[in-house]
C-alpha atoms as a PDB file:
ATOM      1  CA  MET A   1       6.371  36.518  29.446  1.00  0.00           C
ATOM      2  CA  ALA A   2       9.971  37.648  28.933  1.00  0.00           C
ATOM      3  CA  HIS A   3      12.140  35.341  26.891  1.00  0.00           C
ATOM      4  CA  PRO A   4      15.451  34.120  28.387  1.00  0.00           C
ATOM      5  CA  PRO A   5      18.554  35.845  26.995  1.00  0.00           C
ATOM      6  CA  TRP A   6      20.561  33.942  24.423  1.00  0.00           C
ATOM      7  CA  ARG A   7      23.355  33.067  26.850  1.00  0.00           C
ATOM      8  CA  HIS A   8      20.815  31.365  29.121  1.00  0.00           C
ATOM      9  CA  LEU A   9      19.333  29.466  26.207  1.00  0.00           C
ATOM     10  CA  LEU A  10      22.828  28.382  25.196  1.00  0.00           C
ATOM     11  CA  LEU A  11      23.419  27.146  28.749  1.00  0.00           C
ATOM     12  CA  ALA A  12      20.192  25.125  28.565  1.00  0.00           C
ATOM     13  CA  LEU A  13      21.314  23.745  25.202  1.00  0.00           C
ATOM     14  CA  ALA A  14      24.672  22.781  26.741  1.00  0.00           C
ATOM     15  CA  VAL A  15      22.909  20.861  29.527  1.00  0.00           C
ATOM     16  CA  VAL A  16      20.691  19.056  27.041  1.00  0.00           C
ATOM     17  CA  ALA A  17      23.715  18.225  24.890  1.00  0.00           C
ATOM     18  CA  VAL A  18      25.517  16.759  27.930  1.00  0.00           C
ATOM     19  CA  TRP A  19      22.466  14.693  28.872  1.00  0.00           C
ATOM     20  CA  GLY A  20      21.969  13.493  25.293  1.00  0.00           C
ATOM     21  CA  THR A  21      25.561  12.598  24.425  1.00  0.00           C
ATOM     22  CA  ASN A  22      25.804  10.904  27.813  1.00  0.00           C
ATOM     23  CA  PHE A  23      24.620   7.634  26.253  1.00  0.00           C
ATOM     24  CA  VAL A  24      27.641   7.457  23.963  1.00  0.00           C
ATOM     25  CA  VAL A  25      29.854   8.202  26.964  1.00  0.00           C
ATOM     26  CA  ILE A  26      28.233   5.297  28.838  1.00  0.00           C
ATOM     27  CA  LYS A  27      29.161   2.996  25.966  1.00  0.00           C
ATOM     28  CA  VAL A  28      32.778   4.156  26.171  1.00  0.00           C
ATOM     29  CA  ALA A  29      33.023   3.315  29.882  1.00  0.00           C
ATOM     30  CA  LEU A  30      31.304  -0.053  29.448  1.00  0.00           C
ATOM     31  CA  ALA A  31      34.092  -1.143  27.111  1.00  0.00           C
ATOM     32  CA  HIS A  32      36.196  -1.748  30.237  1.00  0.00           C
ATOM     33  CA  LEU A  33      34.073  -1.458  33.385  1.00  0.00           C
ATOM     34  CA  PRO A  34      31.387  -3.963  34.433  1.00  0.00           C
ATOM     35  CA  PRO A  35      27.995  -2.180  34.426  1.00  0.00           C
ATOM     36  CA  LEU A  36      27.208  -2.361  38.148  1.00  0.00           C
ATOM     37  CA  LEU A  37      30.738  -1.302  39.111  1.00  0.00           C
ATOM     38  CA  PHE A  38      30.456   1.611  36.684  1.00  0.00           C
ATOM     39  CA  ALA A  39      27.178   2.691  38.305  1.00  0.00           C
ATOM     40  CA  ALA A  40      28.727   2.438  41.788  1.00  0.00           C
ATOM     41  CA  LEU A  41      31.668   4.626  40.745  1.00  0.00           C
ATOM     42  CA  ARG A  42      29.360   7.158  39.126  1.00  0.00           C
ATOM     43  CA  PHE A  43      27.270   7.655  42.280  1.00  0.00           C
ATOM     44  CA  ALA A  44      30.241   7.516  44.637  1.00  0.00           C
ATOM     45  CA  LEU A  45      31.826  10.445  42.790  1.00  0.00           C
ATOM     46  CA  ALA A  46      28.484  12.254  42.591  1.00  0.00           C
ATOM     47  CA  PHE A  47      28.241  11.999  46.396  1.00  0.00           C
ATOM     48  CA  PHE A  48      31.799  12.838  47.416  1.00  0.00           C
ATOM     49  CA  PRO A  49      33.231  15.471  47.633  1.00  0.00           C
ATOM     50  CA  ALA A  50      30.101  17.482  46.697  1.00  0.00           C
ATOM     51  CA  VAL A  51      28.448  16.401  49.959  1.00  0.00           C
ATOM     52  CA  LEU A  52      30.996  18.546  51.825  1.00  0.00           C
ATOM     53  CA  LEU A  53      29.716  21.662  50.064  1.00  0.00           C
ATOM     54  CA  LEU A  54      25.954  21.086  50.083  1.00  0.00           C
ATOM     55  CA  PRO A  55      23.857  20.820  53.263  1.00  0.00           C
ATOM     56  CA  ARG A  56      21.435  17.895  53.504  1.00  0.00           C
ATOM     57  CA  PRO A  57      18.008  18.942  52.201  1.00  0.00           C
ATOM     58  CA  PRO A  58      15.270  19.002  54.874  1.00  0.00           C
ATOM     59  CA  VAL A  59      13.589  15.729  53.893  1.00  0.00           C
ATOM     60  CA  PRO A  60      13.368  12.381  55.731  1.00  0.00           C
ATOM     61  CA  TRP A  61      16.233   9.922  55.274  1.00  0.00           C
ATOM     62  CA  ARG A  62      13.786   7.308  53.957  1.00  0.00           C
ATOM     63  CA  ASN A  63      12.827   9.671  51.133  1.00  0.00           C
ATOM     64  CA  LEU A  64      16.482  10.233  50.189  1.00  0.00           C
ATOM     65  CA  ALA A  65      17.163   6.491  50.378  1.00  0.00           C
ATOM     66  CA  ALA A  66      14.138   5.628  48.234  1.00  0.00           C
ATOM     67  CA  TYR A  67      15.167   8.132  45.560  1.00  0.00           C
ATOM     68  CA  GLY A  68      18.781   6.949  45.618  1.00  0.00           C
ATOM     69  CA  LEU A  69      17.779   3.295  45.228  1.00  0.00           C
ATOM     70  CA  LEU A  70      15.255   3.963  42.468  1.00  0.00           C
ATOM     71  CA  ILE A  71      17.535   6.244  40.431  1.00  0.00           C
ATOM     72  CA  GLY A  72      20.901   4.687  41.255  1.00  0.00           C
ATOM     73  CA  VAL A  73      20.059   0.988  41.193  1.00  0.00           C
ATOM     74  CA  GLY A  74      16.727   0.772  39.382  1.00  0.00           C
ATOM     75  CA  ASN A  75      17.358   3.390  36.708  1.00  0.00           C
ATOM     76  CA  PHE A  76      21.077   3.663  35.984  1.00  0.00           C
ATOM     77  CA  GLY A  77      22.117   0.229  37.227  1.00  0.00           C
ATOM     78  CA  VAL A  78      19.588  -1.471  34.958  1.00  0.00           C
ATOM     79  CA  LEU A  79      20.253   0.973  32.091  1.00  0.00           C
ATOM     80  CA  TYR A  80      23.987   0.205  32.175  1.00  0.00           C
ATOM     81  CA  LEU A  81      23.278  -3.537  32.217  1.00  0.00           C
ATOM     82  CA  ALA A  82      20.997  -3.154  29.190  1.00  0.00           C
ATOM     83  CA  MET A  83      23.558  -1.099  27.286  1.00  0.00           C
ATOM     84  CA  LYS A  84      26.168  -3.812  27.755  1.00  0.00           C
ATOM     85  CA  GLY A  85      25.225  -5.452  24.460  1.00  0.00           C
ATOM     86  CA  ASN A  86      21.414  -5.447  24.586  1.00  0.00           C
ATOM     87  CA  ILE A  87      20.446  -2.034  23.209  1.00  0.00           C
ATOM     88  CA  SER A  88      22.174   0.661  21.181  1.00  0.00           C
ATOM     89  CA  PRO A  89      22.962   4.037  22.808  1.00  0.00           C
ATOM     90  CA  GLY A  90      20.714   5.952  20.412  1.00  0.00           C
ATOM     91  CA  LEU A  91      17.658   3.814  21.106  1.00  0.00           C
ATOM     92  CA  ALA A  92      18.441   3.779  24.835  1.00  0.00           C
ATOM     93  CA  SER A  93      18.411   7.593  24.877  1.00  0.00           C
ATOM     94  CA  LEU A  94      14.988   7.494  23.222  1.00  0.00           C
ATOM     95  CA  VAL A  95      13.320   4.652  25.137  1.00  0.00           C
ATOM     96  CA  ILE A  96      14.414   5.969  28.541  1.00  0.00           C
ATOM     97  CA  GLN A  97      12.310   9.068  27.867  1.00  0.00           C
ATOM     98  CA  THR A  98       9.206   6.920  28.363  1.00  0.00           C
ATOM     99  CA  GLN A  99       9.742   7.816  32.017  1.00  0.00           C
ATOM    100  CA  VAL A 100       7.515  10.804  31.211  1.00  0.00           C
ATOM    101  CA  PHE A 101       4.632   8.511  30.315  1.00  0.00           C
ATOM    102  CA  PHE A 102       5.235   6.239  33.316  1.00  0.00           C
ATOM    103  CA  THR A 103       5.259   9.338  35.542  1.00  0.00           C
ATOM    104  CA  ILE A 104       1.819  10.298  34.220  1.00  0.00           C
ATOM    105  CA  VAL A 105       0.421   6.845  34.989  1.00  0.00           C
ATOM    106  CA  LEU A 106       2.007   6.710  38.449  1.00  0.00           C
ATOM    107  CA  ALA A 107       0.758  10.191  39.298  1.00  0.00           C
ATOM    108  CA  MET A 108      -2.724   9.027  38.352  1.00  0.00           C
ATOM    109  CA  ARG A 109      -2.474   5.972  40.628  1.00  0.00           C
ATOM    110  CA  VAL A 110      -0.396   7.296  43.547  1.00  0.00           C
ATOM    111  CA  ALA A 111      -1.135  11.013  43.683  1.00  0.00           C
ATOM    112  CA  ARG A 112      -4.698  10.618  42.379  1.00  0.00           C
ATOM    113  CA  GLU A 113      -3.991  13.109  39.606  1.00  0.00           C
ATOM    114  CA  ARG A 114      -6.482  13.085  36.764  1.00  0.00           C
ATOM    115  CA  VAL A 115      -5.043  12.211  33.364  1.00  0.00           C
ATOM    116  CA  GLN A 116      -6.281  14.699  30.795  1.00  0.00           C
ATOM    117  CA  GLY A 117      -7.247  14.022  27.202  1.00  0.00           C
ATOM    118  CA  PHE A 118      -4.045  15.313  25.626  1.00  0.00           C
ATOM    119  CA  GLN A 119      -2.022  13.096  27.990  1.00  0.00           C
ATOM    120  CA  TRP A 120      -3.902  10.006  26.794  1.00  0.00           C
ATOM    121  CA  VAL A 121      -3.026  10.945  23.219  1.00  0.00           C
ATOM    122  CA  ALA A 122       0.620  11.424  24.278  1.00  0.00           C
ATOM    123  CA  LEU A 123       0.600   7.988  25.934  1.00  0.00           C
ATOM    124  CA  VAL A 124      -0.788   6.366  22.770  1.00  0.00           C
ATOM    125  CA  LEU A 125       1.876   8.026  20.604  1.00  0.00           C
ATOM    126  CA  GLY A 126       4.626   6.911  22.978  1.00  0.00           C
ATOM    127  CA  ALA A 127       3.272   3.343  23.099  1.00  0.00           C
ATOM    128  CA  ALA A 128       3.119   3.263  19.302  1.00  0.00           C
ATOM    129  CA  GLY A 129       6.776   4.293  19.108  1.00  0.00           C
ATOM    130  CA  ILE A 130       7.781   1.552  21.546  1.00  0.00           C
ATOM    131  CA  GLY A 131       5.719  -0.895  19.503  1.00  0.00           C
ATOM    132  CA  VAL A 132       7.687  -0.002  16.375  1.00  0.00           C
ATOM    133  CA  ILE A 133      10.954  -0.660  18.231  1.00  0.00           C
ATOM    134  CA  ALA A 134       9.633  -3.969  19.585  1.00  0.00           C
ATOM    135  CA  LEU A 135       8.839  -5.106  16.044  1.00  0.00           C
ATOM    136  CA  HIS A 136      12.433  -4.464  14.989  1.00  0.00           C
ATOM    137  CA  THR A 137      14.392  -6.050  17.834  1.00  0.00           C
ATOM    138  CA  GLY A 138      17.423  -8.044  16.812  1.00  0.00           C
ATOM    139  CA  GLY A 139      21.008  -7.117  16.046  1.00  0.00           C
ATOM    140  CA  ASP A 140      22.131  -4.351  18.394  1.00  0.00           C
ATOM    141  CA  THR A 141      18.779  -4.222  20.225  1.00  0.00           C
ATOM    142  CA  THR A 142      17.150  -7.246  21.866  1.00  0.00           C
ATOM    143  CA  VAL A 143      13.753  -7.788  23.468  1.00  0.00           C
ATOM    144  CA  LEU A 144      15.553  -8.123  26.809  1.00  0.00           C
ATOM    145  CA  GLY A 145      17.366  -4.829  26.278  1.00  0.00           C
ATOM    146  CA  LEU A 146      14.150  -3.015  25.406  1.00  0.00           C
ATOM    147  CA  ALA A 147      12.400  -4.497  28.452  1.00  0.00           C
ATOM    148  CA  MET A 148      15.291  -3.519  30.725  1.00  0.00           C
ATOM    149  CA  VAL A 149      15.349   0.094  29.546  1.00  0.00           C
ATOM    150  CA  LEU A 150      11.565   0.292  29.973  1.00  0.00           C
ATOM    151  CA  GLY A 151      12.100  -1.039  33.508  1.00  0.00           C
ATOM    152  CA  ALA A 152      14.778   1.599  34.087  1.00  0.00           C
ATOM    153  CA  ALA A 153      12.364   4.268  32.828  1.00  0.00           C
ATOM    154  CA  PHE A 154       9.712   2.996  35.254  1.00  0.00           C
ATOM    155  CA  CYS A 155      12.192   3.300  38.135  1.00  0.00           C
ATOM    156  CA  TRP A 156      13.055   6.837  37.001  1.00  0.00           C
ATOM    157  CA  ALA A 157       9.346   7.695  36.987  1.00  0.00           C
ATOM    158  CA  SER A 158       8.953   6.190  40.462  1.00  0.00           C
ATOM    159  CA  GLY A 159      11.880   8.339  41.575  1.00  0.00           C
ATOM    160  CA  ASN A 160      10.068  11.372  40.173  1.00  0.00           C
ATOM    161  CA  ILE A 161       7.072  10.599  42.387  1.00  0.00           C
ATOM    162  CA  VAL A 162       9.342  10.181  45.437  1.00  0.00           C
ATOM    163  CA  ALA A 163      11.090  13.490  44.657  1.00  0.00           C
ATOM    164  CA  LYS A 164       7.733  15.220  44.299  1.00  0.00           C
ATOM    165  CA  GLN A 165       6.810  14.022  47.795  1.00  0.00           C
ATOM    166  CA  ALA A 166       9.971  15.718  49.085  1.00  0.00           C
ATOM    167  CA  GLY A 167       8.505  19.121  48.215  1.00  0.00           C
ATOM    168  CA  GLN A 168      10.434  22.211  47.148  1.00  0.00           C
ATOM    169  CA  VAL A 169      14.101  21.412  47.846  1.00  0.00           C
ATOM    170  CA  ASN A 170      17.497  22.169  46.342  1.00  0.00           C
ATOM    171  CA  MET A 171      17.466  19.448  43.684  1.00  0.00           C
ATOM    172  CA  LEU A 172      21.254  19.371  43.312  1.00  0.00           C
ATOM    173  CA  ALA A 173      21.714  18.770  47.055  1.00  0.00           C
ATOM    174  CA  TYR A 174      18.899  16.225  46.936  1.00  0.00           C
ATOM    175  CA  VAL A 175      20.614  14.257  44.158  1.00  0.00           C
ATOM    176  CA  VAL A 176      24.019  14.424  45.863  1.00  0.00           C
ATOM    177  CA  TRP A 177      22.792  13.238  49.265  1.00  0.00           C
ATOM    178  CA  SER A 178      20.542  10.535  47.820  1.00  0.00           C
ATOM    179  CA  SER A 179      23.502   9.145  45.857  1.00  0.00           C
ATOM    180  CA  ALA A 180      24.871   7.752  49.117  1.00  0.00           C
ATOM    181  CA  ALA A 181      22.014   5.237  49.214  1.00  0.00           C
ATOM    182  CA  ALA A 182      22.859   3.931  45.741  1.00  0.00           C
ATOM    183  CA  VAL A 183      26.522   3.085  46.312  1.00  0.00           C
ATOM    184  CA  PRO A 184      26.407   0.208  48.889  1.00  0.00           C
ATOM    185  CA  PRO A 185      23.830  -1.941  47.027  1.00  0.00           C
ATOM    186  CA  LEU A 186      25.574  -1.339  43.700  1.00  0.00           C
ATOM    187  CA  VAL A 187      28.940  -2.392  45.161  1.00  0.00           C
ATOM    188  CA  LEU A 188      27.380  -5.470  46.773  1.00  0.00           C
ATOM    189  CA  MET A 189      25.552  -6.440  43.566  1.00  0.00           C
ATOM    190  CA  SER A 190      28.758  -5.944  41.557  1.00  0.00           C
ATOM    191  CA  LEU A 191      30.653  -8.257  43.923  1.00  0.00           C
ATOM    192  CA  VAL A 192      27.917 -10.908  43.848  1.00  0.00           C
ATOM    193  CA  PHE A 193      26.931 -10.868  40.182  1.00  0.00           C
ATOM    194  CA  GLU A 194      30.027  -9.551  38.403  1.00  0.00           C
ATOM    195  CA  GLY A 195      32.624 -10.965  40.778  1.00  0.00           C
ATOM    196  CA  TRP A 196      35.948  -9.672  42.033  1.00  0.00           C
ATOM    197  CA  PRO A 197      37.973 -10.957  39.018  1.00  0.00           C
ATOM    198  CA  ALA A 198      35.789  -8.909  36.626  1.00  0.00           C
ATOM    199  CA  ILE A 199      35.964  -5.878  38.923  1.00  0.00           C
ATOM    200  CA  GLU A 200      39.755  -6.118  39.197  1.00  0.00           C
ATOM    201  CA  ALA A 201      40.145  -6.621  35.454  1.00  0.00           C
ATOM    202  CA  GLY A 202      37.904  -3.638  34.726  1.00  0.00           C
ATOM    203  CA  LEU A 203      39.847  -1.349  37.052  1.00  0.00           C
ATOM    204  CA  VAL A 204      43.181  -2.510  35.628  1.00  0.00           C
ATOM    205  CA  GLN A 205      42.068  -2.144  32.000  1.00  0.00           C
ATOM    206  CA  ALA A 206      40.386   1.224  32.511  1.00  0.00           C
ATOM    207  CA  ASP A 207      42.228   3.897  30.558  1.00  0.00           C
ATOM    208  CA  ALA A 208      42.029   7.681  30.502  1.00  0.00           C
ATOM    209  CA  ALA A 209      38.923   7.608  28.298  1.00  0.00           C
ATOM    210  CA  THR A 210      37.185   5.265  30.750  1.00  0.00           C
ATOM    211  CA  TRP A 211      37.845   7.497  33.754  1.00  0.00           C
ATOM    212  CA  ALA A 212      36.897  10.563  31.745  1.00  0.00           C
ATOM    213  CA  ALA A 213      33.575   8.849  31.026  1.00  0.00           C
ATOM    214  CA  VAL A 214      33.053   8.156  34.735  1.00  0.00           C
ATOM    215  CA  LEU A 215      33.797  11.800  35.576  1.00  0.00           C
ATOM    216  CA  TRP A 216      31.497  12.931  32.758  1.00  0.00           C
ATOM    217  CA  GLN A 217      28.715  10.897  34.368  1.00  0.00           C
ATOM    218  CA  SER A 218      29.348  12.210  37.869  1.00  0.00           C
ATOM    219  CA  LEU A 219      30.439  15.798  37.330  1.00  0.00           C
ATOM    220  CA  GLY A 220      29.027  16.676  33.919  1.00  0.00           C
ATOM    221  CA  ASN A 221      25.785  14.726  33.748  1.00  0.00           C
ATOM    222  CA  THR A 222      24.860  14.955  37.447  1.00  0.00           C
ATOM    223  CA  LEU A 223      26.450  17.987  39.097  1.00  0.00           C
ATOM    224  CA  PHE A 224      26.734  20.391  36.158  1.00  0.00           C
ATOM    225  CA  GLY A 225      23.458  19.230  34.606  1.00  0.00           C
ATOM    226  CA  TYR A 226      21.319  19.539  37.725  1.00  0.00           C
ATOM    227  CA  ALA A 227      23.027  22.711  38.972  1.00  0.00           C
ATOM    228  CA  ALA A 228      22.696  24.544  35.650  1.00  0.00           C
ATOM    229  CA  TRP A 229      19.140  23.312  35.012  1.00  0.00           C
ATOM    230  CA  GLY A 230      18.057  24.295  38.530  1.00  0.00           C
ATOM    231  CA  TRP A 231      19.716  27.705  38.127  1.00  0.00           C
ATOM    232  CA  LEU A 232      17.821  28.302  34.881  1.00  0.00           C
ATOM    233  CA  LEU A 233      14.467  27.161  36.289  1.00  0.00           C
ATOM    234  CA  ALA A 234      14.951  29.488  39.263  1.00  0.00           C
ATOM    235  CA  ARG A 235      15.288  32.466  36.913  1.00  0.00           C
ATOM    236  CA  HIS A 236      12.833  31.708  34.122  1.00  0.00           C
ATOM    237  CA  PRO A 237       9.366  30.191  33.785  1.00  0.00           C
ATOM    238  CA  ALA A 238       9.420  26.424  33.326  1.00  0.00           C
ATOM    239  CA  ALA A 239       7.557  26.930  30.045  1.00  0.00           C
ATOM    240  CA  SER A 240      10.637  28.691  28.641  1.00  0.00           C
ATOM    241  CA  ILE A 241      13.203  26.095  29.696  1.00  0.00           C
ATOM    242  CA  SER A 242      11.576  22.659  30.090  1.00  0.00           C
ATOM    243  CA  PRO A 243      10.683  22.108  26.398  1.00  0.00           C
ATOM    244  CA  MET A 244      14.391  22.071  25.534  1.00  0.00           C
ATOM    245  CA  ALA A 245      14.660  18.695  27.294  1.00  0.00           C
ATOM    246  CA  LEU A 246      12.876  17.276  24.230  1.00  0.00           C
ATOM    247  CA  LEU A 247      16.240  17.557  22.463  1.00  0.00           C
ATOM    248  CA  VAL A 248      17.903  14.946  24.738  1.00  0.00           C
ATOM    249  CA  PRO A 249      17.058  11.928  22.536  1.00  0.00           C
ATOM    250  CA  VAL A 250      17.863  13.992  19.436  1.00  0.00           C
ATOM    251  CA  PHE A 251      21.392  14.547  20.745  1.00  0.00           C
ATOM    252  CA  GLY A 252      21.496  10.919  21.883  1.00  0.00           C
ATOM    253  CA  MET A 253      20.625   9.415  18.508  1.00  0.00           C
ATOM    254  CA  ALA A 254      22.687  11.921  16.524  1.00  0.00           C
ATOM    255  CA  SER A 255      25.823  11.446  18.647  1.00  0.00           C
ATOM    256  CA  SER A 256      25.469   7.652  18.538  1.00  0.00           C
ATOM    257  CA  GLY A 257      25.135   7.751  14.763  1.00  0.00           C
ATOM    258  CA  TRP A 258      28.110  10.089  14.358  1.00  0.00           C
ATOM    259  CA  TRP A 259      30.491   8.679  16.979  1.00  0.00           C
ATOM    260  CA  LEU A 260      29.600   4.975  17.060  1.00  0.00           C
ATOM    261  CA  GLY A 261      28.198   4.579  13.559  1.00  0.00           C
ATOM    262  CA  GLU A 262      24.768   3.486  14.804  1.00  0.00           C
ATOM    263  CA  ALA A 263      22.460   3.015  11.823  1.00  0.00           C
ATOM    264  CA  LEU A 264      19.358   5.210  11.687  1.00  0.00           C
ATOM    265  CA  PRO A 265      16.952   3.392   9.339  1.00  0.00           C
ATOM    266  CA  ALA A 266      13.463   4.658   8.582  1.00  0.00           C
ATOM    267  CA  TRP A 267      11.790   2.527  11.289  1.00  0.00           C
ATOM    268  CA  LYS A 268      14.090   3.967  13.962  1.00  0.00           C
ATOM    269  CA  LEU A 269      13.391   7.526  12.861  1.00  0.00           C
ATOM    270  CA  GLY A 270       9.678   6.725  12.725  1.00  0.00           C
ATOM    271  CA  ALA A 271       9.722   5.366  16.278  1.00  0.00           C
ATOM    272  CA  ALA A 272      11.637   8.447  17.419  1.00  0.00           C
ATOM    273  CA  SER A 273       9.081  10.716  15.741  1.00  0.00           C
ATOM    274  CA  LEU A 274       6.166   9.001  17.494  1.00  0.00           C
ATOM    275  CA  ILE A 275       7.783   9.131  20.935  1.00  0.00           C
ATOM    276  CA  LEU A 276       9.014  12.708  20.493  1.00  0.00           C
ATOM    277  CA  CYS A 277       5.568  13.808  19.299  1.00  0.00           C
ATOM    278  CA  GLY A 278       4.072  12.251  22.425  1.00  0.00           C
ATOM    279  CA  LEU A 279       6.639  13.993  24.634  1.00  0.00           C
ATOM    280  CA  ALA A 280       6.141  17.310  22.853  1.00  0.00           C
ATOM    281  CA  LEU A 281       2.364  17.081  23.170  1.00  0.00           C
ATOM    282  CA  ASN A 282       2.631  16.391  26.896  1.00  0.00           C
ATOM    283  CA  VAL A 283       5.020  19.318  27.477  1.00  0.00           C
ATOM    284  CA  LEU A 284       3.751  21.921  25.035  1.00  0.00           C
ATOM    285  CA  TRP A 285      -0.037  21.473  24.884  1.00  0.00           C
ATOM    286  CA  PRO A 286      -0.838  22.860  28.360  1.00  0.00           C
ATOM    287  CA  ARG A 287       1.489  25.806  27.763  1.00  0.00           C
ATOM    288  CA  TRP A 288      -0.222  26.536  24.431  1.00  0.00           C
ATOM    289  CA  ARG A 289      -3.664  26.377  26.084  1.00  0.00           C
ATOM    290  CA  THR A 290      -2.523  28.725  28.840  1.00  0.00           C
ATOM    291  CA  ALA A 291      -1.174  31.192  26.257  1.00  0.00           C
ATOM    292  CA  GLN A 292      -4.557  31.208  24.479  1.00  0.00           C
ATOM    293  CA  LYS A 293      -6.424  32.339  27.611  1.00  0.00           C
END
């Protein structure tokens, strides 16, 4: 198997860095914007004007709507709410990766896929890491925040199952078109739960850094991230590219520690090690077994 050239590996590293540091960027935007309004803006800008350039993927509207609601409202809407004072960016970047474990469980129940031995070990490692975090809630991370991010991860995993049912499609176009389904409920929920005074105040107080964070979410995290990742996967075996996604929480925790001064005590690093070991086992073990044959 040919290895990707260095410039392609650097592109993959750039995508992972964008996805990882994204959690610090979220915190910047939440300083002014209410969470649900922020999510609505993010998906509105992910949808338009990109929708003018990308044809609708050949999948049913109900599939696009389901993915948009699960990812837009269930994943990011809930994640933003949790990060508004209930969990630190570094831990959020780590806990959200439990979507991998939820995807395994859902695939077992919905798609009738058989969970293999190494996946059970990965699940146990991930659960142990979450257990360590649960034992240390308080301060910048609450039980509610942890539960909300786990809920967001479950919605992300559910979105993965919906996307899998869509078949082989242009994932960038799929994300752009499905974003349309996320915007109306997010706007309505923002009006109902956050209220017009908070929305107006957020828009008035938003500065250049706030709008840069919104654009980073829409253009950098969504459009650049998916486009570049899809381009790389189209040119190289998944085994060469996918493992680099394991660096997302590494970038997330490192950037939060550097930029926001988030403490990284031994228990936090221990929890990260357990979850990352579980993720690495799930991603790398089957590739190692295939290489041995």
